Amino acid sequence: MKTNLSIITLMMLSPSLFAQSPLAEAIEGISHEGELRLGAIRTKNTQGEKATTLSLGGRVSLETKPLNGLSLVGTFLTTNPLFGNNEEGMFLGSDHHGYALVGESYLKASFGKTLFKAGRQILDTPYADSDDIGMVPNSFEGYSLINQDLSDTTLILAWLDKWSGVDAPVPEQFNAMQASGDAVITGGLIYEGVENTTLQAWHYQLDDANYNYAELGYEADTFRMGLQYTDQDNSNRAYGVHMGGNVDKLSLDIAYNKAKGTVSNGFGGGPFFTSCEDHTIAKVKNQKAMRYRAEYALDDHLILEVSHLNLNIGENETDYLASFEVNDHHTLDLIYTDMYDDGSVVRFFANYKF
């Protein structure tokens, strides 16, 4: 008891000692950023039935000031329906209601050219990504390490065992990524030592299969192209190619994917060149796809885009997108997805970053 009283007395008599401590400085130096998002979605199913939801949500992130290379990061994510109860899944939880969760809470350690994170975090890799297509993105629980000591080279290692968000079976809580409860282990290498060229290779270790992914990309001022290959076991694999170019404010692209067997998007939207707002080559055996895309920038603020997906099996898809940057903080996005006999989806987002 005397010790406690002594500490309290010291705090009262010498507050400057604590105000100047490294821990106090880290707490006082907390930085923040966030995004307020108003989203609306309207779907029409194969029977012609329509459903609408208007939701308000977003995120708030806090990060302490680094202390000897260590800091703490936390991100609060939420979606709250103001109107409607759409069952599409991009906006609401598994019970078709709003939810809130701590999507990120990790220890961040930065030493030289190495960054280590331990805890819940948002990350983007070919088969585990945020896929921010609705109100709450995917986030993952585990460990990740990024190292850039080698010239023009980035090495990534991750050990992930739980996830939540838009693509997760139960979006509103963290659940095991695999039925066994074992973690997904991944390693990747990104090399940019050749001008205008990026080479990346990834390996994912799962319970029932090992995923391998490789991509070669080239991008200059007016021309770009890419090659990709993935195998998810001996019988399920896919490859793809894309190319495109720019003429003044007009951008044109064409992409092709072919799957042998049945491939997966993994834990997110998937890495395939032909992936659209809804359809990808995943989950359909021996699927082939061609995607055509055109984008036009009317000015520095408004971008219009249309893309069409031809599938070998199943309904095709056409997407119409309009994105308007009001200012550095405020953007508006409108996306209309026509899946023909599979129905349609209209989404609108008003984002305000702070």
Foldseek 3Di string as FASTA:
>chain_A
DVVVVVVVVCCVVCVVVVCPDLVNQQVVQKDKKKKKKWKKKWWQFLVRDIWIWIKIWIKMKIKTDDDQQKIWIWMKTWIATPDTQDPPQQGDWPVSGIAIDTQDIWMWGDDDQKIKIAFKAADDDQQAHQQNLHRGTKIFHWMKMWGDPDPQKIKIKTWTFWMADRQDPGRRDIDGLDPVSGTKIKIKMWGDPDPQKIWMWMWIDDDPWIKIKIKIKGDDQFKIKMKIWMDGHDFWIKIKIKMWTDDVQKIKMKMKMWIGAADDQHHYQHNHPQRDSPDDSHPDHGKIKMKIKMKGDPDPFKIWMKMWMDMPDAFIKIKTKIKGDPDPFWIKIWIWMDRDSRIIMIMIMIMGMD
